[in-house]
Amino acid sequence: MSDDTAPRHVGFLLLPDFPLMSHASAVEPLRAANVIAGRTLYRWSHFTLDGAPARASVGVVVPADGTLDAAVGLDQLFVCAGGNPAAFDHRPTFARLRALAAAGVAVGGMSGGAYVLARAGLLERRRCTIHWEHIPALVEEFPELMLERSLYVFDGDRATCAGGLAAFDMMVDLIGRRHGAALALAVGEWYLATRTRSGEDDQRIALRERSRVANPRVLKVLALMEERLEEPLAREALAEAAGVTLRQLERLFARHMGRSLADHYRDLRLDRARKLLRQTGLPVVEVAMACGFATSSHFSRLYRARFGLPPRAERARERDGDGAIEGVATR
């Protein structure tokens, strides 16, 4: 616990279409800490790429205090990014983030913010996390990252969280580290948070609840499928892992999933391919390989059958739609 009495200045870099839930979940605990303590423990500022107000993904506009170049006197800065953070490739921002980190500012990311930090080279040899939706693309571009699939991660002066309500959990933890557990508990209670979630908690609900399946053999196979998308296991290997014959496993899938083993596995891989097409610049053939398809032609046929358009058209639609960050030069 720190004995510092000076207010801690926290900055938020709000990128276009930033997630409002993440932002509010991070700022509100700071406000509550001030109110409960009866003095100013924290103050905060908002920054945007051009100093203009930031528009959230839901359309709400947040006034900005200036550009990131005007960010002075910060103790901590969080990059708040949503949408498709892989489309953000703004070198001046990366350079400014590196300069702030070198000057001793603790730099972090919320929701897709870790993607921006990785592009800036600020997560090398650092444990980190990001929203599960962005994990496939981030891992493909930065396979060496020490990525965890948890709610939030602290590693030295880096703090990353998966966004959403995880931003609240992270900030309450930060308040506790600086001002003690009593204040952190009071802030949580202020917002009716009756259960404390640690950074190590999983981002997603358990597979049992997600799939609404209780059969342990089917659950084991579903978990194996999610783990082995790039190098799919043969149906016989899945059955062996479940301790049943292939025929029995097919019957279990038909009963509990309403579809065949092969259909479910194929669609999991196609869903991941869609994320990679939308969030990365990987060639289609590499996307196919990353999702366990032997040839790009076979992959394209299956993709069109599932989503109604070929992979290249999916990428073109993303690029021409919401894929680019308006007004930001890319490399």
C-alpha atoms as a PDB file:
ATOM      1  CA  MET A   1       0.000   0.000   0.000  1.00  0.00           C
ATOM      2  CA  SER A   2       1.403   3.389  -1.000  1.00  0.00           C
ATOM      3  CA  ASP A   3       1.695   6.302   1.478  1.00  0.00           C
ATOM      4  CA  ASP A   4       1.527   8.871  -1.307  1.00  0.00           C
ATOM      5  CA  THR A   5      -0.994  11.602  -0.535  1.00  0.00           C
ATOM      6  CA  ALA A   6      -0.884  13.430  -3.882  1.00  0.00           C
ATOM      7  CA  PRO A   7      -3.840  12.609  -6.192  1.00  0.00           C
ATOM      8  CA  ARG A   8      -2.959  10.029  -8.806  1.00  0.00           C
ATOM      9  CA  HIS A   9      -3.536  11.301 -12.340  1.00  0.00           C
ATOM     10  CA  VAL A  10      -5.000   8.639 -14.629  1.00  0.00           C
ATOM     11  CA  GLY A  11      -5.333   9.202 -18.366  1.00  0.00           C
ATOM     12  CA  PHE A  12      -7.549   7.410 -20.863  1.00  0.00           C
ATOM     13  CA  LEU A  13      -6.739   7.320 -24.561  1.00  0.00           C
ATOM     14  CA  LEU A  14     -10.126   6.815 -26.179  1.00  0.00           C
ATOM     15  CA  LEU A  15      -9.788   5.401 -29.674  1.00  0.00           C
ATOM     16  CA  PRO A  16     -12.646   5.636 -32.226  1.00  0.00           C
ATOM     17  CA  ASP A  17     -15.562   3.342 -31.292  1.00  0.00           C
ATOM     18  CA  PHE A  18     -14.129   2.754 -27.840  1.00  0.00           C
ATOM     19  CA  PRO A  19     -16.264   0.485 -25.594  1.00  0.00           C
ATOM     20  CA  LEU A  20     -18.304   2.652 -23.243  1.00  0.00           C
ATOM     21  CA  MET A  21     -18.779  -0.173 -20.730  1.00  0.00           C
ATOM     22  CA  SER A  22     -15.029  -0.561 -20.274  1.00  0.00           C
ATOM     23  CA  HIS A  23     -14.528   3.173 -19.915  1.00  0.00           C
ATOM     24  CA  ALA A  24     -17.318   3.667 -17.368  1.00  0.00           C
ATOM     25  CA  SER A  25     -16.230   0.572 -15.435  1.00  0.00           C
ATOM     26  CA  ALA A  26     -12.763   2.095 -15.075  1.00  0.00           C
ATOM     27  CA  VAL A  27     -13.675   5.708 -14.270  1.00  0.00           C
ATOM     28  CA  GLU A  28     -16.535   5.129 -11.842  1.00  0.00           C
ATOM     29  CA  PRO A  29     -14.435   3.310  -9.211  1.00  0.00           C
ATOM     30  CA  LEU A  30     -12.046   6.267  -9.186  1.00  0.00           C
ATOM     31  CA  ARG A  31     -14.920   8.667  -8.573  1.00  0.00           C
ATOM     32  CA  ALA A  32     -16.319   6.450  -5.828  1.00  0.00           C
ATOM     33  CA  ALA A  33     -12.919   6.218  -4.155  1.00  0.00           C
ATOM     34  CA  ASN A  34     -12.782  10.027  -3.971  1.00  0.00           C
ATOM     35  CA  VAL A  35     -16.293  10.288  -2.541  1.00  0.00           C
ATOM     36  CA  ILE A  36     -15.838   7.544   0.041  1.00  0.00           C
ATOM     37  CA  ALA A  37     -12.420   8.795   1.137  1.00  0.00           C
ATOM     38  CA  GLY A  38     -13.697  12.350   1.392  1.00  0.00           C
ATOM     39  CA  ARG A  39     -10.749  13.713  -0.536  1.00  0.00           C
ATOM     40  CA  THR A  40      -9.298  13.637  -4.028  1.00  0.00           C
ATOM     41  CA  LEU A  41      -7.332  10.450  -4.407  1.00  0.00           C
ATOM     42  CA  TYR A  42      -7.646  10.333  -8.184  1.00  0.00           C
ATOM     43  CA  ARG A  43      -8.147  12.695 -11.059  1.00  0.00           C
ATOM     44  CA  TRP A  44      -8.481  11.709 -14.686  1.00  0.00           C
ATOM     45  CA  SER A  45      -8.187  13.086 -18.192  1.00  0.00           C
ATOM     46  CA  HIS A  46      -9.329  11.912 -21.609  1.00  0.00           C
ATOM     47  CA  PHE A  47      -7.263  12.034 -24.768  1.00  0.00           C
ATOM     48  CA  THR A  48      -8.041  11.357 -28.414  1.00  0.00           C
ATOM     49  CA  LEU A  49      -6.023  11.174 -31.613  1.00  0.00           C
ATOM     50  CA  ASP A  50      -6.964  14.691 -32.731  1.00  0.00           C
ATOM     51  CA  GLY A  51      -8.199  16.276 -29.505  1.00  0.00           C
ATOM     52  CA  ALA A  52     -11.805  16.163 -30.686  1.00  0.00           C
ATOM     53  CA  PRO A  53     -14.533  14.491 -28.603  1.00  0.00           C
ATOM     54  CA  ALA A  54     -14.444  10.696 -28.682  1.00  0.00           C
ATOM     55  CA  ARG A  55     -17.413   8.737 -29.958  1.00  0.00           C
ATOM     56  CA  ALA A  56     -18.076   5.429 -28.248  1.00  0.00           C
ATOM     57  CA  SER A  57     -19.324   2.333 -30.019  1.00  0.00           C
ATOM     58  CA  VAL A  58     -22.863   3.114 -28.811  1.00  0.00           C
ATOM     59  CA  GLY A  59     -22.702   6.671 -30.155  1.00  0.00           C
ATOM     60  CA  VAL A  60     -22.152   8.481 -26.843  1.00  0.00           C
ATOM     61  CA  VAL A  61     -19.631  11.322 -27.145  1.00  0.00           C
ATOM     62  CA  VAL A  62     -17.044  12.018 -24.438  1.00  0.00           C
ATOM     63  CA  PRO A  63     -15.226  15.384 -24.456  1.00  0.00           C
ATOM     64  CA  ALA A  64     -11.439  15.202 -24.716  1.00  0.00           C
ATOM     65  CA  ASP A  65      -8.854  17.140 -22.761  1.00  0.00           C
ATOM     66  CA  GLY A  66      -6.504  17.132 -25.739  1.00  0.00           C
ATOM     67  CA  THR A  67      -4.310  14.906 -27.830  1.00  0.00           C
ATOM     68  CA  LEU A  68      -1.888  12.385 -26.397  1.00  0.00           C
ATOM     69  CA  ASP A  69       0.929  14.876 -27.043  1.00  0.00           C
ATOM     70  CA  ALA A  70      -0.729  17.116 -24.443  1.00  0.00           C
ATOM     71  CA  ALA A  71      -0.721  14.375 -21.829  1.00  0.00           C
ATOM     72  CA  VAL A  72       1.556  15.655 -19.066  1.00  0.00           C
ATOM     73  CA  GLY A  73       1.786  14.848 -15.401  1.00  0.00           C
ATOM     74  CA  LEU A  74       0.239  11.410 -15.807  1.00  0.00           C
ATOM     75  CA  ASP A  75       0.880   8.591 -13.384  1.00  0.00           C
ATOM     76  CA  GLN A  76      -0.997   6.015 -15.453  1.00  0.00           C
ATOM     77  CA  LEU A  77      -2.497   5.808 -18.927  1.00  0.00           C
ATOM     78  CA  PHE A  78      -4.986   3.276 -20.258  1.00  0.00           C
ATOM     79  CA  VAL A  79      -5.637   2.699 -23.958  1.00  0.00           C
ATOM     80  CA  CYS A  80      -9.340   2.011 -24.387  1.00  0.00           C
ATOM     81  CA  ALA A  81      -9.967   0.293 -27.727  1.00  0.00           C
ATOM     82  CA  GLY A  82     -12.870  -1.723 -29.076  1.00  0.00           C
ATOM     83  CA  GLY A  83     -14.239  -2.706 -32.448  1.00  0.00           C
ATOM     84  CA  ASN A  84     -11.333  -4.117 -34.406  1.00  0.00           C
ATOM     85  CA  PRO A  85      -8.123  -2.988 -32.669  1.00  0.00           C
ATOM     86  CA  ALA A  86      -6.041  -4.875 -35.244  1.00  0.00           C
ATOM     87  CA  ALA A  87      -7.056  -2.210 -37.771  1.00  0.00           C
ATOM     88  CA  PHE A  88      -5.390   0.506 -35.705  1.00  0.00           C
ATOM     89  CA  ASP A  89      -1.877   1.116 -37.001  1.00  0.00           C
ATOM     90  CA  HIS A  90      -0.964   4.707 -36.159  1.00  0.00           C
ATOM     91  CA  ARG A  91       2.800   5.107 -35.736  1.00  0.00           C
ATOM     92  CA  PRO A  92       2.714   8.537 -34.012  1.00  0.00           C
ATOM     93  CA  THR A  93       0.490   7.068 -31.315  1.00  0.00           C
ATOM     94  CA  PHE A  94       2.807   4.089 -30.851  1.00  0.00           C
ATOM     95  CA  ALA A  95       5.790   6.429 -30.541  1.00  0.00           C
ATOM     96  CA  ARG A  96       4.016   8.626 -27.992  1.00  0.00           C
ATOM     97  CA  LEU A  97       3.018   5.601 -25.918  1.00  0.00           C
ATOM     98  CA  ARG A  98       6.628   4.422 -25.880  1.00  0.00           C
ATOM     99  CA  ALA A  99       7.792   7.890 -24.828  1.00  0.00           C
ATOM    100  CA  LEU A 100       5.297   8.026 -21.968  1.00  0.00           C
ATOM    101  CA  ALA A 101       6.322   4.561 -20.792  1.00  0.00           C
ATOM    102  CA  ALA A 102       9.999   5.552 -20.946  1.00  0.00           C
ATOM    103  CA  ALA A 103       9.167   8.633 -18.852  1.00  0.00           C
ATOM    104  CA  GLY A 104       7.792   6.420 -16.089  1.00  0.00           C
ATOM    105  CA  VAL A 105       4.069   6.480 -16.862  1.00  0.00           C
ATOM    106  CA  ALA A 106       2.428   3.136 -16.091  1.00  0.00           C
ATOM    107  CA  VAL A 107       0.792   2.148 -19.379  1.00  0.00           C
ATOM    108  CA  GLY A 108      -2.135  -0.243 -19.706  1.00  0.00           C
ATOM    109  CA  GLY A 109      -4.877  -1.394 -22.022  1.00  0.00           C
ATOM    110  CA  MET A 110      -8.573  -2.169 -21.705  1.00  0.00           C
ATOM    111  CA  SER A 111     -10.667  -4.430 -23.945  1.00  0.00           C
ATOM    112  CA  GLY A 112      -8.683  -4.315 -27.225  1.00  0.00           C
ATOM    113  CA  GLY A 113      -6.117  -1.906 -25.797  1.00  0.00           C
ATOM    114  CA  ALA A 114      -3.502  -4.616 -25.355  1.00  0.00           C
ATOM    115  CA  TYR A 115      -3.401  -4.972 -29.150  1.00  0.00           C
ATOM    116  CA  VAL A 116      -2.313  -1.348 -29.439  1.00  0.00           C
ATOM    117  CA  LEU A 117       0.311  -1.831 -26.727  1.00  0.00           C
ATOM    118  CA  ALA A 118       1.643  -4.909 -28.510  1.00  0.00           C
ATOM    119  CA  ARG A 119       1.929  -2.975 -31.769  1.00  0.00           C
ATOM    120  CA  ALA A 120       3.822  -0.284 -29.860  1.00  0.00           C
ATOM    121  CA  GLY A 121       6.255  -2.894 -28.542  1.00  0.00           C
ATOM    122  CA  LEU A 122       5.213  -2.320 -24.934  1.00  0.00           C
ATOM    123  CA  LEU A 123       4.253  -5.888 -24.054  1.00  0.00           C
ATOM    124  CA  GLU A 124       7.510  -7.646 -24.825  1.00  0.00           C
ATOM    125  CA  ARG A 125       8.360 -10.080 -22.024  1.00  0.00           C
ATOM    126  CA  ARG A 126       5.243  -8.917 -20.168  1.00  0.00           C
ATOM    127  CA  ARG A 127       2.255 -10.972 -19.097  1.00  0.00           C
ATOM    128  CA  CYS A 128      -0.950  -9.520 -20.509  1.00  0.00           C
ATOM    129  CA  THR A 129      -4.548 -10.198 -21.415  1.00  0.00           C
ATOM    130  CA  ILE A 130      -7.132  -8.993 -23.940  1.00  0.00           C
ATOM    131  CA  HIS A 131     -10.814  -9.578 -24.656  1.00  0.00           C
ATOM    132  CA  TRP A 132     -11.325 -13.170 -25.807  1.00  0.00           C
ATOM    133  CA  GLU A 133     -12.764 -11.963 -29.121  1.00  0.00           C
ATOM    134  CA  HIS A 134      -9.360 -10.549 -30.088  1.00  0.00           C
ATOM    135  CA  ILE A 135      -7.191 -13.432 -28.881  1.00  0.00           C
ATOM    136  CA  PRO A 136      -6.976 -15.376 -32.193  1.00  0.00           C
ATOM    137  CA  ALA A 137      -5.798 -12.350 -34.168  1.00  0.00           C
ATOM    138  CA  LEU A 138      -3.387 -11.181 -31.473  1.00  0.00           C
ATOM    139  CA  VAL A 139      -1.801 -14.617 -31.141  1.00  0.00           C
ATOM    140  CA  GLU A 140      -1.353 -14.927 -34.901  1.00  0.00           C
ATOM    141  CA  GLU A 141       0.422 -11.568 -35.120  1.00  0.00           C
ATOM    142  CA  PHE A 142       2.363 -11.820 -31.861  1.00  0.00           C
ATOM    143  CA  PRO A 143       2.851 -15.518 -31.088  1.00  0.00           C
ATOM    144  CA  GLU A 144       5.600 -14.733 -28.586  1.00  0.00           C
ATOM    145  CA  LEU A 145       3.335 -12.699 -26.275  1.00  0.00           C
ATOM    146  CA  MET A 146       2.883 -13.973 -22.728  1.00  0.00           C
ATOM    147  CA  LEU A 147      -0.882 -13.870 -23.180  1.00  0.00           C
ATOM    148  CA  GLU A 148      -3.274 -15.037 -20.474  1.00  0.00           C
ATOM    149  CA  ARG A 149      -6.992 -15.659 -20.851  1.00  0.00           C
ATOM    150  CA  SER A 150      -7.876 -14.020 -17.570  1.00  0.00           C
ATOM    151  CA  LEU A 151      -9.868 -10.958 -16.516  1.00  0.00           C
ATOM    152  CA  TYR A 152      -6.907  -8.685 -15.868  1.00  0.00           C
ATOM    153  CA  VAL A 153      -3.143  -8.914 -15.465  1.00  0.00           C
ATOM    154  CA  PHE A 154      -0.599  -6.775 -13.660  1.00  0.00           C
ATOM    155  CA  ASP A 155       3.030  -7.133 -14.700  1.00  0.00           C
ATOM    156  CA  GLY A 156       5.231  -4.409 -13.317  1.00  0.00           C
ATOM    157  CA  ASP A 157       4.002  -1.078 -14.643  1.00  0.00           C
ATOM    158  CA  ARG A 158       1.729  -2.709 -17.233  1.00  0.00           C
ATOM    159  CA  ALA A 159      -1.935  -3.381 -16.488  1.00  0.00           C
ATOM    160  CA  THR A 160      -4.217  -4.983 -19.064  1.00  0.00           C
ATOM    161  CA  CYS A 161      -7.784  -6.172 -18.782  1.00  0.00           C
ATOM    162  CA  ALA A 162     -10.295  -7.904 -20.998  1.00  0.00           C
ATOM    163  CA  GLY A 163     -12.667  -4.930 -20.873  1.00  0.00           C
ATOM    164  CA  GLY A 164     -16.290  -4.726 -19.867  1.00  0.00           C
ATOM    165  CA  LEU A 165     -16.831  -5.441 -16.197  1.00  0.00           C
ATOM    166  CA  ALA A 166     -13.239  -6.678 -15.902  1.00  0.00           C
ATOM    167  CA  ALA A 167     -12.178  -3.017 -16.003  1.00  0.00           C
ATOM    168  CA  PHE A 168     -14.131  -2.491 -12.792  1.00  0.00           C
ATOM    169  CA  ASP A 169     -12.431  -5.464 -11.111  1.00  0.00           C
ATOM    170  CA  MET A 170      -9.012  -4.222 -12.205  1.00  0.00           C
ATOM    171  CA  MET A 171      -9.564  -0.687 -10.932  1.00  0.00           C
ATOM    172  CA  VAL A 172     -10.900  -1.864  -7.581  1.00  0.00           C
ATOM    173  CA  ASP A 173      -7.781  -4.006  -7.242  1.00  0.00           C
ATOM    174  CA  LEU A 174      -5.575  -1.029  -8.102  1.00  0.00           C
ATOM    175  CA  ILE A 175      -7.371   1.099  -5.511  1.00  0.00           C
ATOM    176  CA  GLY A 176      -6.796  -1.611  -2.916  1.00  0.00           C
ATOM    177  CA  ARG A 177      -3.099  -1.850  -3.756  1.00  0.00           C
ATOM    178  CA  ARG A 178      -2.671   1.888  -3.335  1.00  0.00           C
ATOM    179  CA  HIS A 179      -5.104   2.737  -0.529  1.00  0.00           C
ATOM    180  CA  GLY A 180      -5.864  -0.521   1.227  1.00  0.00           C
ATOM    181  CA  ALA A 181      -8.391  -3.333   1.164  1.00  0.00           C
ATOM    182  CA  ALA A 182     -11.001  -1.453   3.222  1.00  0.00           C
ATOM    183  CA  LEU A 183     -11.410   1.266   0.609  1.00  0.00           C
ATOM    184  CA  ALA A 184     -11.425  -1.274  -2.222  1.00  0.00           C
ATOM    185  CA  LEU A 185     -14.208  -3.240  -0.507  1.00  0.00           C
ATOM    186  CA  ALA A 186     -16.163  -0.035   0.086  1.00  0.00           C
ATOM    187  CA  VAL A 187     -15.898   0.919  -3.587  1.00  0.00           C
ATOM    188  CA  GLY A 188     -17.115  -2.528  -4.625  1.00  0.00           C
ATOM    189  CA  GLU A 189     -20.012  -2.334  -2.196  1.00  0.00           C
ATOM    190  CA  TRP A 190     -20.872   1.145  -3.501  1.00  0.00           C
ATOM    191  CA  TYR A 191     -21.578  -0.457  -6.876  1.00  0.00           C
ATOM    192  CA  LEU A 192     -23.289  -3.523  -5.378  1.00  0.00           C
ATOM    193  CA  ALA A 193     -20.377  -5.786  -6.258  1.00  0.00           C
ATOM    194  CA  THR A 194     -20.890  -8.397  -3.550  1.00  0.00           C
ATOM    195  CA  ARG A 195     -18.273 -10.785  -4.899  1.00  0.00           C
ATOM    196  CA  THR A 196     -14.662  -9.917  -5.582  1.00  0.00           C
ATOM    197  CA  ARG A 197     -13.278 -11.301  -8.847  1.00  0.00           C
ATOM    198  CA  SER A 198      -9.547 -11.773  -9.045  1.00  0.00           C
ATOM    199  CA  GLY A 199      -7.425 -11.180 -12.100  1.00  0.00           C
ATOM    200  CA  GLU A 200      -6.933 -14.934 -12.497  1.00  0.00           C
ATOM    201  CA  ASP A 201     -10.644 -15.594 -13.047  1.00  0.00           C
ATOM    202  CA  ASP A 202     -11.602 -16.818 -16.514  1.00  0.00           C
ATOM    203  CA  GLN A 203     -13.051 -14.344 -18.991  1.00  0.00           C
ATOM    204  CA  ARG A 204     -15.725 -16.687 -20.299  1.00  0.00           C
ATOM    205  CA  ILE A 205     -18.333 -18.679 -18.441  1.00  0.00           C
ATOM    206  CA  ALA A 206     -17.672 -22.384 -18.079  1.00  0.00           C
ATOM    207  CA  LEU A 207     -18.078 -24.575 -21.142  1.00  0.00           C
ATOM    208  CA  ARG A 208     -20.871 -26.443 -19.379  1.00  0.00           C
ATOM    209  CA  GLU A 209     -22.970 -23.268 -19.147  1.00  0.00           C
ATOM    210  CA  ARG A 210     -22.018 -21.984 -22.583  1.00  0.00           C
ATOM    211  CA  SER A 211     -22.940 -25.223 -24.332  1.00  0.00           C
ATOM    212  CA  ARG A 212     -25.799 -26.104 -21.968  1.00  0.00           C
ATOM    213  CA  VAL A 213     -24.469 -29.635 -21.948  1.00  0.00           C
ATOM    214  CA  ALA A 214     -23.976 -31.677 -18.799  1.00  0.00           C
ATOM    215  CA  ASN A 215     -22.665 -34.928 -20.276  1.00  0.00           C
ATOM    216  CA  PRO A 216     -18.999 -35.195 -19.195  1.00  0.00           C
ATOM    217  CA  ARG A 217     -17.905 -37.071 -22.316  1.00  0.00           C
ATOM    218  CA  VAL A 218     -19.390 -34.483 -24.657  1.00  0.00           C
ATOM    219  CA  LEU A 219     -17.899 -31.667 -22.569  1.00  0.00           C
ATOM    220  CA  LYS A 220     -14.452 -33.263 -22.768  1.00  0.00           C
ATOM    221  CA  VAL A 221     -14.685 -33.489 -26.535  1.00  0.00           C
ATOM    222  CA  LEU A 222     -15.958 -29.905 -26.850  1.00  0.00           C
ATOM    223  CA  ALA A 223     -12.988 -28.675 -24.823  1.00  0.00           C
ATOM    224  CA  LEU A 224     -10.565 -30.650 -26.993  1.00  0.00           C
ATOM    225  CA  MET A 225     -12.109 -29.202 -30.124  1.00  0.00           C
ATOM    226  CA  GLU A 226     -11.673 -25.635 -28.870  1.00  0.00           C
ATOM    227  CA  GLU A 227      -8.041 -26.359 -27.982  1.00  0.00           C
ATOM    228  CA  ARG A 228      -7.194 -28.021 -31.295  1.00  0.00           C
ATOM    229  CA  LEU A 229      -8.444 -25.775 -34.096  1.00  0.00           C
ATOM    230  CA  GLU A 230      -5.194 -25.418 -36.030  1.00  0.00           C
ATOM    231  CA  GLU A 231      -4.440 -29.147 -35.955  1.00  0.00           C
ATOM    232  CA  PRO A 232      -7.850 -30.837 -35.638  1.00  0.00           C
ATOM    233  CA  LEU A 233      -8.014 -34.205 -33.986  1.00  0.00           C
ATOM    234  CA  ALA A 234      -9.483 -37.111 -35.910  1.00  0.00           C
ATOM    235  CA  ARG A 235     -12.942 -38.226 -34.838  1.00  0.00           C
ATOM    236  CA  GLU A 236     -11.486 -41.521 -33.668  1.00  0.00           C
ATOM    237  CA  ALA A 237      -9.002 -39.692 -31.428  1.00  0.00           C
ATOM    238  CA  LEU A 238     -11.820 -37.622 -29.926  1.00  0.00           C
ATOM    239  CA  ALA A 239     -13.809 -40.764 -29.207  1.00  0.00           C
ATOM    240  CA  GLU A 240     -10.783 -42.409 -27.604  1.00  0.00           C
ATOM    241  CA  ALA A 241     -10.220 -39.359 -25.389  1.00  0.00           C
ATOM    242  CA  ALA A 242     -13.866 -39.519 -24.305  1.00  0.00           C
ATOM    243  CA  GLY A 243     -13.567 -43.229 -23.521  1.00  0.00           C
ATOM    244  CA  VAL A 244     -16.287 -44.343 -25.938  1.00  0.00           C
ATOM    245  CA  THR A 245     -16.509 -45.733 -29.436  1.00  0.00           C
ATOM    246  CA  LEU A 246     -16.893 -43.365 -32.353  1.00  0.00           C
ATOM    247  CA  ARG A 247     -20.406 -44.631 -32.904  1.00  0.00           C
ATOM    248  CA  GLN A 248     -21.311 -43.915 -29.279  1.00  0.00           C
ATOM    249  CA  LEU A 249     -19.789 -40.449 -29.465  1.00  0.00           C
ATOM    250  CA  GLU A 250     -21.767 -39.608 -32.590  1.00  0.00           C
ATOM    251  CA  ARG A 251     -24.943 -40.659 -30.807  1.00  0.00           C
ATOM    252  CA  LEU A 252     -24.054 -38.522 -27.799  1.00  0.00           C
ATOM    253  CA  PHE A 253     -23.444 -35.491 -30.044  1.00  0.00           C
ATOM    254  CA  ALA A 254     -26.717 -36.010 -31.881  1.00  0.00           C
ATOM    255  CA  ARG A 255     -28.561 -36.204 -28.563  1.00  0.00           C
ATOM    256  CA  HIS A 256     -26.894 -33.320 -26.732  1.00  0.00           C
ATOM    257  CA  MET A 257     -25.775 -31.017 -29.548  1.00  0.00           C
ATOM    258  CA  GLY A 258     -28.389 -31.773 -32.187  1.00  0.00           C
ATOM    259  CA  ARG A 259     -25.718 -32.190 -34.856  1.00  0.00           C
ATOM    260  CA  SER A 260     -22.855 -34.396 -35.920  1.00  0.00           C
ATOM    261  CA  LEU A 261     -19.356 -34.345 -34.477  1.00  0.00           C
ATOM    262  CA  ALA A 262     -17.819 -33.279 -37.793  1.00  0.00           C
ATOM    263  CA  ASP A 263     -20.313 -30.457 -38.372  1.00  0.00           C
ATOM    264  CA  HIS A 264     -19.666 -28.921 -34.973  1.00  0.00           C
ATOM    265  CA  TYR A 265     -15.883 -29.136 -35.294  1.00  0.00           C
ATOM    266  CA  ARG A 266     -15.953 -27.649 -38.803  1.00  0.00           C
ATOM    267  CA  ASP A 267     -18.099 -24.706 -37.693  1.00  0.00           C
ATOM    268  CA  LEU A 268     -15.814 -23.940 -34.750  1.00  0.00           C
ATOM    269  CA  ARG A 269     -12.901 -23.685 -37.160  1.00  0.00           C
ATOM    270  CA  LEU A 270     -14.875 -21.567 -39.625  1.00  0.00           C
ATOM    271  CA  ASP A 271     -15.916 -19.204 -36.839  1.00  0.00           C
ATOM    272  CA  ARG A 272     -12.279 -18.722 -35.892  1.00  0.00           C
ATOM    273  CA  ALA A 273     -11.393 -18.165 -39.545  1.00  0.00           C
ATOM    274  CA  ARG A 274     -13.973 -15.401 -39.728  1.00  0.00           C
ATOM    275  CA  LYS A 275     -12.345 -13.621 -36.784  1.00  0.00           C
ATOM    276  CA  LEU A 276      -8.927 -13.876 -38.414  1.00  0.00           C
ATOM    277  CA  LEU A 277     -10.209 -12.563 -41.729  1.00  0.00           C
ATOM    278  CA  ARG A 278     -11.834  -9.607 -40.027  1.00  0.00           C
ATOM    279  CA  GLN A 279      -9.059  -8.782 -37.585  1.00  0.00           C
ATOM    280  CA  THR A 280      -5.805  -9.628 -39.383  1.00  0.00           C
ATOM    281  CA  GLY A 281      -4.135  -9.162 -42.733  1.00  0.00           C
ATOM    282  CA  LEU A 282      -3.131 -12.808 -43.014  1.00  0.00           C
ATOM    283  CA  PRO A 283      -3.439 -14.192 -46.558  1.00  0.00           C
ATOM    284  CA  VAL A 284      -6.453 -16.429 -47.030  1.00  0.00           C
ATOM    285  CA  VAL A 285      -4.245 -19.478 -47.422  1.00  0.00           C
ATOM    286  CA  GLU A 286      -2.624 -18.786 -44.041  1.00  0.00           C
ATOM    287  CA  VAL A 287      -6.021 -18.290 -42.413  1.00  0.00           C
ATOM    288  CA  ALA A 288      -7.071 -21.648 -43.821  1.00  0.00           C
ATOM    289  CA  MET A 289      -3.976 -23.341 -42.401  1.00  0.00           C
ATOM    290  CA  ALA A 290      -4.379 -21.622 -39.021  1.00  0.00           C
ATOM    291  CA  CYS A 291      -7.855 -23.106 -38.784  1.00  0.00           C
ATOM    292  CA  GLY A 292      -6.971 -26.629 -39.821  1.00  0.00           C
ATOM    293  CA  PHE A 293      -7.988 -26.628 -43.490  1.00  0.00           C
ATOM    294  CA  ALA A 294      -5.601 -28.401 -45.846  1.00  0.00           C
ATOM    295  CA  THR A 295      -6.282 -26.246 -48.929  1.00  0.00           C
ATOM    296  CA  SER A 296      -7.588 -22.744 -49.469  1.00  0.00           C
ATOM    297  CA  SER A 297     -10.026 -23.948 -52.148  1.00  0.00           C
ATOM    298  CA  HIS A 298     -11.659 -26.418 -49.768  1.00  0.00           C
ATOM    299  CA  PHE A 299     -11.731 -23.742 -47.080  1.00  0.00           C
ATOM    300  CA  SER A 300     -13.342 -21.229 -49.440  1.00  0.00           C
ATOM    301  CA  ARG A 301     -16.112 -23.644 -50.411  1.00  0.00           C
ATOM    302  CA  LEU A 302     -16.960 -24.398 -46.800  1.00  0.00           C
ATOM    303  CA  TYR A 303     -16.747 -20.727 -45.841  1.00  0.00           C
ATOM    304  CA  ARG A 304     -19.162 -19.683 -48.582  1.00  0.00           C
ATOM    305  CA  ALA A 305     -21.568 -22.441 -47.608  1.00  0.00           C
ATOM    306  CA  ARG A 306     -21.603 -21.271 -43.977  1.00  0.00           C
ATOM    307  CA  PHE A 307     -21.507 -17.486 -44.308  1.00  0.00           C
ATOM    308  CA  GLY A 308     -22.873 -16.869 -47.812  1.00  0.00           C
ATOM    309  CA  LEU A 309     -19.747 -15.248 -49.272  1.00  0.00           C
ATOM    310  CA  PRO A 310     -16.148 -16.318 -49.985  1.00  0.00           C
ATOM    311  CA  PRO A 311     -13.301 -15.409 -47.610  1.00  0.00           C
ATOM    312  CA  ARG A 312     -11.894 -12.667 -49.854  1.00  0.00           C
ATOM    313  CA  ALA A 313     -15.301 -10.994 -50.016  1.00  0.00           C
ATOM    314  CA  GLU A 314     -15.548 -11.152 -46.222  1.00  0.00           C
ATOM    315  CA  ARG A 315     -12.263  -9.316 -45.899  1.00  0.00           C
ATOM    316  CA  ALA A 316     -13.225  -6.737 -48.540  1.00  0.00           C
ATOM    317  CA  ARG A 317     -16.499  -6.061 -46.750  1.00  0.00           C
ATOM    318  CA  GLU A 318     -14.691  -5.583 -43.450  1.00  0.00           C
ATOM    319  CA  ARG A 319     -12.137  -3.271 -45.071  1.00  0.00           C
ATOM    320  CA  ASP A 320     -14.770  -1.160 -46.799  1.00  0.00           C
ATOM    321  CA  GLY A 321     -17.024  -1.085 -43.751  1.00  0.00           C
ATOM    322  CA  ASP A 322     -15.833  -0.724 -40.170  1.00  0.00           C
ATOM    323  CA  GLY A 323     -12.364  -2.188 -40.588  1.00  0.00           C
ATOM    324  CA  ALA A 324     -10.465   1.067 -41.089  1.00  0.00           C
ATOM    325  CA  ILE A 325     -10.017   3.759 -38.483  1.00  0.00           C
ATOM    326  CA  GLU A 326     -11.348   6.942 -40.034  1.00  0.00           C
ATOM    327  CA  GLY A 327      -8.858   9.757 -40.259  1.00  0.00           C
ATOM    328  CA  VAL A 328      -5.871   7.687 -39.146  1.00  0.00           C
ATOM    329  CA  ALA A 329      -2.943   7.101 -41.448  1.00  0.00           C
ATOM    330  CA  THR A 330      -1.761   3.529 -41.644  1.00  0.00           C
ATOM    331  CA  ARG A 331       1.648   2.218 -42.523  1.00  0.00           C
END
